[in-house]
């Protein structure tokens, strides 16, 4: 996998985008922060508008080099025809880590599931792991719905489930509906994101039945962060996630739903940065 710049070099301000190419894959990669700084690999959630122009990445980029690819089949990244599982994404990112060298790994929601799949396979290049309102495991019995079905609820219901402040979420949540102020290209990308997520994670819905038992393989410092008002995956689900990972720490962020890094970016940074700095010092 080889990187090639699309619009010039990155800097600590606006960031940059480049394309990393493999034999059958083009990966759109956003970056922000000083190129010589220690790296953070941030794996995005299911619904997102590409880029690193968020308050929390701006804060992280003051100390670290923030690298945020669009997952294969999301944004401007291609999806090889052979890809049909979350394991395929995990191996792509293991190759990315091999290219970048050791990095801290932050997974958000759907991206948290990918991060967990990476860490159960190999942590040689994972300096630390931060899982934020992650999907991917089964907690209840076979008749219990652990994860809200974000594909079938209405946009307004999804905002209610995802945000502590639903009124704010109506304006800020990147939903693939016409009244969100996105242009045609952004809407198409958002819909394509959901199409890819359904292909990779529809059955069983948004989890791997074997993942929870395999979380005990994770041997890097781990922080599990959750929004206290998350209606997609509840804090109880998050605590079960943390208990399944040896020595993982669990932190709850108040007045935040499924996107604490968007809804409470200052509190999110105050939770994550001390953890990262502790690992860095160690």
Protein backbone atom coordinates (compact mmCIF):
# COMPACT_ATOMS: atom_id res chain seq x y z
CA UNK A 1 0.00 0.00 0.00
CA UNK A 2 1.54 3.28 -1.15
CA UNK A 3 0.37 6.82 -0.29
CA UNK A 4 0.10 9.51 -2.95
CA UNK A 5 -0.92 13.10 -2.18
CA UNK A 6 -4.09 14.46 -3.73
CA UNK A 7 -3.90 18.09 -2.65
CA UNK A 8 -0.53 18.85 -1.16
CA UNK A 9 1.13 18.26 2.15
CA UNK A 10 -0.76 18.19 5.43
CA UNK A 11 -0.25 20.67 8.21
CA UNK A 12 -1.55 21.21 11.72
CA UNK A 13 -4.24 23.58 10.47
CA UNK A 14 -6.61 22.57 7.71
CA UNK A 15 -5.40 19.03 7.11
CA UNK A 16 -5.03 17.19 3.82
CA UNK A 17 -6.40 14.27 1.85
CA UNK A 18 -4.45 11.64 -0.06
CA UNK A 19 -5.06 8.29 -1.72
CA UNK A 20 -3.23 5.16 -0.54
CA UNK A 21 -3.17 2.47 -3.19
CA UNK A 22 -2.91 -1.30 -2.94
CA UNK A 23 -3.28 -3.85 -5.74
CA UNK A 24 -7.09 -3.88 -5.62
CA UNK A 25 -7.91 -1.02 -3.26
CA UNK A 26 -7.78 2.78 -3.16
CA UNK A 27 -8.07 4.19 0.35
CA UNK A 28 -9.03 7.83 0.88
CA UNK A 29 -7.00 9.11 3.85
CA UNK A 30 -7.45 12.38 5.72
CA UNK A 31 -4.65 13.69 7.93
CA UNK A 32 -4.15 16.57 10.32
CA UNK A 33 -1.32 17.61 12.62
CA UNK A 34 2.47 17.72 12.37
CA UNK A 35 3.88 14.93 10.21
CA UNK A 36 6.62 14.11 12.73
CA UNK A 37 4.22 13.73 15.66
CA UNK A 38 3.15 10.41 17.15
CA UNK A 39 0.27 8.97 15.15
CA UNK A 40 -3.41 8.46 15.97
CA UNK A 41 -5.39 6.26 13.59
CA UNK A 42 -9.06 7.29 13.89
CA UNK A 43 -11.69 4.91 12.46
CA UNK A 44 -14.97 6.66 11.73
CA UNK A 45 -18.56 5.65 12.45
CA UNK A 46 -21.19 4.50 9.98
CA UNK A 47 -22.80 7.89 9.29
CA UNK A 48 -20.18 10.56 8.70
CA UNK A 49 -19.09 13.23 6.26
CA UNK A 50 -15.48 12.62 5.26
CA UNK A 51 -12.66 14.57 6.79
CA UNK A 52 -10.95 15.57 10.01
CA UNK A 53 -12.56 18.99 10.38
CA UNK A 54 -14.12 18.31 13.78
CA UNK A 55 -13.42 20.07 17.11
CA UNK A 56 -12.09 16.88 18.69
CA UNK A 57 -9.63 16.19 15.86
CA UNK A 58 -8.50 19.80 15.95
CA UNK A 59 -7.70 19.32 19.64
CA UNK A 60 -5.93 16.00 19.11
CA UNK A 61 -3.90 17.38 16.19
CA UNK A 62 -2.15 19.83 18.50
CA UNK A 63 -0.15 16.90 19.94
CA UNK A 64 -0.56 14.03 17.49
CA UNK A 65 -0.66 13.28 13.78
CA UNK A 66 -4.34 12.34 13.23
CA UNK A 67 -4.87 9.92 10.34
CA UNK A 68 -8.47 9.09 9.44
CA UNK A 69 -9.12 6.87 6.42
CA UNK A 70 -12.50 6.37 4.80
CA UNK A 71 -13.24 2.68 5.24
CA UNK A 72 -13.28 0.58 2.06
CA UNK A 73 -16.64 1.22 0.40
CA UNK A 74 -17.12 4.47 2.34
CA UNK A 75 -16.49 8.01 1.13
CA UNK A 76 -13.90 8.02 -1.64
CA UNK A 77 -12.44 4.58 -0.83
CA UNK A 78 -13.06 1.67 -3.17
CA UNK A 79 -14.57 -1.66 -2.13
CA UNK A 80 -12.94 -4.77 -3.63
CA UNK A 81 -15.60 -7.22 -4.88
CA UNK A 82 -14.24 -9.95 -2.61
CA UNK A 83 -14.94 -7.98 0.60
CA UNK A 84 -17.94 -9.27 2.55
CA UNK A 85 -17.06 -9.09 6.25
CA UNK A 86 -15.62 -6.88 8.97
CA UNK A 87 -12.54 -9.10 9.01
CA UNK A 88 -11.70 -7.80 5.53
CA UNK A 89 -11.61 -4.24 6.91
CA UNK A 90 -9.52 -5.30 9.89
CA UNK A 91 -6.81 -6.74 7.64
CA UNK A 92 -6.77 -3.56 5.52
CA UNK A 93 -6.02 -1.53 8.64
CA UNK A 94 -3.38 -3.98 9.82
CA UNK A 95 -1.67 -3.23 6.49
CA UNK A 96 -2.14 0.51 7.10
CA UNK A 97 -0.48 0.18 10.52
CA UNK A 98 2.37 -1.71 8.92
CA UNK A 99 2.80 1.24 6.57
CA UNK A 100 2.50 4.04 9.14
CA UNK A 101 4.28 2.31 11.99
CA UNK A 102 2.96 2.05 15.57
CA UNK A 103 -0.05 4.25 16.28
CA UNK A 104 -2.75 4.82 18.87
CA UNK A 105 -6.04 3.42 17.58
CA UNK A 106 -9.36 5.22 18.17
CA UNK A 107 -12.55 3.57 16.94
CA UNK A 108 -15.89 5.40 16.85
CA UNK A 109 -19.11 3.33 16.82
CA UNK A 110 -18.90 1.14 13.70
CA UNK A 111 -15.20 2.06 13.59
CA UNK A 112 -14.89 0.85 17.18
CA UNK A 113 -16.02 -2.57 16.03
CA UNK A 114 -13.32 -2.53 13.33
CA UNK A 115 -10.74 -1.44 15.93
CA UNK A 116 -11.69 -4.35 18.17
CA UNK A 117 -11.39 -6.76 15.24
CA UNK A 118 -7.91 -5.39 14.57
CA UNK A 119 -6.79 -5.69 18.19
CA UNK A 120 -7.91 -9.30 18.65
CA UNK A 121 -5.74 -10.25 15.68
CA UNK A 122 -2.53 -8.32 16.36
CA UNK A 123 -1.48 -5.42 18.57
CA UNK A 124 2.19 -5.23 17.54
CA UNK A 125 1.60 -1.82 15.94
CA UNK A 126 -1.21 -0.69 18.28
CA UNK A 127 0.21 1.53 21.03
CA UNK A 128 -3.17 1.90 22.70
CA UNK A 129 -6.84 1.32 21.95
CA UNK A 130 -9.76 3.70 22.53
CA UNK A 131 -13.24 2.35 21.82
CA UNK A 132 -16.00 4.97 21.69
CA UNK A 133 -19.63 3.73 21.80
CA UNK A 134 -18.45 0.73 19.80
CA UNK A 135 -20.66 -1.83 18.10
CA UNK A 136 -19.69 -5.43 17.44
CA UNK A 137 -20.48 -7.69 20.40
CA UNK A 138 -23.49 -9.63 21.68
CA UNK A 139 -24.37 -8.96 25.31
CA UNK A 140 -27.94 -10.18 25.85
CA UNK A 141 -29.54 -13.51 24.98
CA UNK A 142 -30.69 -14.42 21.50
CA UNK A 143 -34.07 -12.70 21.95
CA UNK A 144 -32.61 -9.44 23.30
CA UNK A 145 -31.87 -6.56 20.91
CA UNK A 146 -28.57 -5.05 22.07
CA UNK A 147 -28.16 -2.63 19.15
CA UNK A 148 -30.90 -0.33 17.86
CA UNK A 149 -31.67 -0.88 14.19
CA UNK A 150 -30.58 2.44 12.73
CA UNK A 151 -31.58 1.30 9.24
CA UNK A 152 -35.32 1.03 9.92
CA UNK A 153 -36.08 3.90 12.31
CA UNK A 154 -37.04 7.30 10.93
CA UNK A 155 -34.43 10.08 10.79
CA UNK A 156 -36.08 11.86 13.73
CA UNK A 157 -36.14 8.65 15.79
CA UNK A 158 -32.49 8.03 14.96
CA UNK A 159 -31.57 11.50 16.20
CA UNK A 160 -33.52 10.86 19.43
CA UNK A 161 -31.61 7.61 19.94
CA UNK A 162 -28.22 9.07 19.04
CA UNK A 163 -28.12 12.47 20.74
CA UNK A 164 -28.64 13.69 24.28
CA UNK A 165 -29.71 17.03 22.78
CA UNK A 166 -31.95 15.95 19.91
CA UNK A 167 -32.58 19.51 18.77
CA UNK A 168 -28.87 20.00 18.25
CA UNK A 169 -28.59 16.62 16.60
CA UNK A 170 -31.22 17.61 14.04
CA UNK A 171 -28.75 20.19 12.73
CA UNK A 172 -25.44 18.38 13.20
CA UNK A 173 -25.97 14.66 12.65
CA UNK A 174 -24.89 13.58 9.14
CA UNK A 175 -28.02 11.76 7.98
CA UNK A 176 -28.65 10.83 4.33
CA UNK A 177 -31.83 12.87 3.99
CA UNK A 178 -32.41 15.94 1.84
CA UNK A 179 -33.01 18.51 4.60
CA UNK A 180 -29.58 18.24 6.20
CA UNK A 181 -27.90 20.82 3.97
CA UNK A 182 -25.62 18.37 2.14
CA UNK A 183 -24.96 18.61 -1.56
CA UNK A 184 -25.73 15.77 -3.96
CA UNK A 185 -22.23 14.28 -3.75
CA UNK A 186 -22.31 14.21 0.07
CA UNK A 187 -25.76 12.62 0.12
CA UNK A 188 -24.64 9.98 -2.37
CA UNK A 189 -21.62 9.19 -0.20
CA UNK A 190 -23.74 8.91 2.93
CA UNK A 191 -26.10 6.49 1.21
CA UNK A 192 -23.16 4.48 -0.15
CA UNK A 193 -21.74 4.32 3.38
CA UNK A 194 -24.94 2.71 4.61
CA UNK A 195 -25.03 0.31 1.66
CA UNK A 196 -21.52 -0.88 2.51
CA UNK A 197 -22.32 -1.19 6.22
CA UNK A 198 -25.35 -3.33 5.39
CA UNK A 199 -23.25 -5.56 3.12
CA UNK A 200 -20.60 -6.14 5.77
CA UNK A 201 -22.65 -6.23 8.97
CA UNK A 202 -26.31 -6.96 8.31
CA UNK A 203 -26.45 -10.63 9.27
CA UNK A 204 -25.99 -11.03 12.16
CA UNK A 205 -26.94 -7.41 12.72
CA UNK A 206 -23.97 -5.18 13.62
CA UNK A 207 -22.09 -7.78 15.67
CA UNK A 208 -19.87 -10.82 15.48
CA UNK A 209 -21.16 -13.58 17.80
CA UNK A 210 -17.57 -14.67 18.51
CA UNK A 211 -16.02 -11.25 19.10
CA UNK A 212 -16.83 -10.81 22.80
CA UNK A 213 -15.06 -14.03 23.79
CA UNK A 214 -12.03 -13.02 21.72
CA UNK A 215 -11.66 -9.59 23.36
CA UNK A 216 -9.57 -11.27 26.07
CA UNK A 217 -6.78 -11.47 23.47
CA UNK A 218 -6.33 -7.69 23.54
CA UNK A 219 -3.08 -6.93 25.38
CA UNK A 220 -2.58 -3.19 24.83
CA UNK A 221 -3.72 -0.33 27.10
CA UNK A 222 -7.43 0.14 26.45
CA UNK A 223 -9.95 2.87 27.24
CA UNK A 224 -13.67 2.39 26.60
CA UNK A 225 -15.60 5.68 26.36
CA UNK A 226 -19.39 5.96 26.27
CA UNK A 227 -22.05 8.64 26.02
CA UNK A 228 -24.38 8.41 29.02
CA UNK A 229 -27.47 8.96 26.83
CA UNK A 230 -26.58 6.57 24.00
CA UNK A 231 -29.75 4.89 22.75
CA UNK A 232 -28.01 2.95 19.98
CA UNK A 233 -25.83 0.89 22.34
CA UNK A 234 -26.48 1.60 26.00
CA UNK A 235 -23.87 2.30 28.70
CA UNK A 236 -24.60 -1.19 30.07
CA UNK A 237 -23.47 -2.56 26.70
CA UNK A 238 -20.36 -0.40 26.96
CA UNK A 239 -19.56 -1.66 30.45
CA UNK A 240 -19.86 -5.24 29.20
CA UNK A 241 -17.43 -4.35 26.40
CA UNK A 242 -14.91 -2.98 28.91
CA UNK A 243 -15.25 -5.96 31.27
CA UNK A 244 -14.40 -8.30 28.38
CA UNK A 245 -11.01 -6.64 27.74
CA UNK A 246 -8.24 -7.27 30.27
CA UNK A 247 -7.51 -4.17 32.39
CA UNK A 248 -9.66 -1.91 30.20
CA UNK A 249 -10.90 1.31 31.79
CA UNK A 250 -14.46 2.55 31.30
CA UNK A 251 -15.37 6.25 31.21
CA UNK A 252 -18.85 7.73 30.88
CA UNK A 253 -19.40 11.19 29.36
CA UNK A 254 -22.50 12.98 30.59
CA UNK A 255 -24.98 14.89 28.42
CA UNK A 256 -23.85 12.97 25.34
CA UNK A 257 -25.35 10.22 23.22
CA UNK A 258 -23.76 7.96 20.62
CA UNK A 259 -21.39 10.71 19.45
CA UNK A 260 -19.76 12.13 22.60
CA UNK A 261 -16.86 13.42 20.48
CA UNK A 262 -19.34 15.62 18.56
CA UNK A 263 -21.79 16.47 21.32
CA UNK A 264 -19.23 17.07 24.10
CA UNK A 265 -15.87 17.50 22.33
CA UNK A 266 -14.19 19.25 25.28
CA UNK A 267 -15.21 16.51 27.73
CA UNK A 268 -14.18 13.90 25.18
CA UNK A 269 -10.70 15.40 24.89
CA UNK A 270 -10.42 15.69 28.68
CA UNK A 271 -11.18 11.96 28.88
CA UNK A 272 -9.03 10.67 26.04
CA UNK A 273 -5.94 12.91 26.12
CA UNK A 274 -4.74 11.99 29.65
CA UNK A 275 -5.04 8.33 28.72
CA UNK A 276 -3.01 8.79 25.52
CA UNK A 277 -0.40 10.90 27.29
CA UNK A 278 -0.06 8.27 30.02
CA UNK A 279 0.63 5.61 27.42
CA UNK A 280 3.05 7.94 25.66
CA UNK A 281 5.01 8.58 28.87
CA UNK A 282 5.09 4.87 29.67
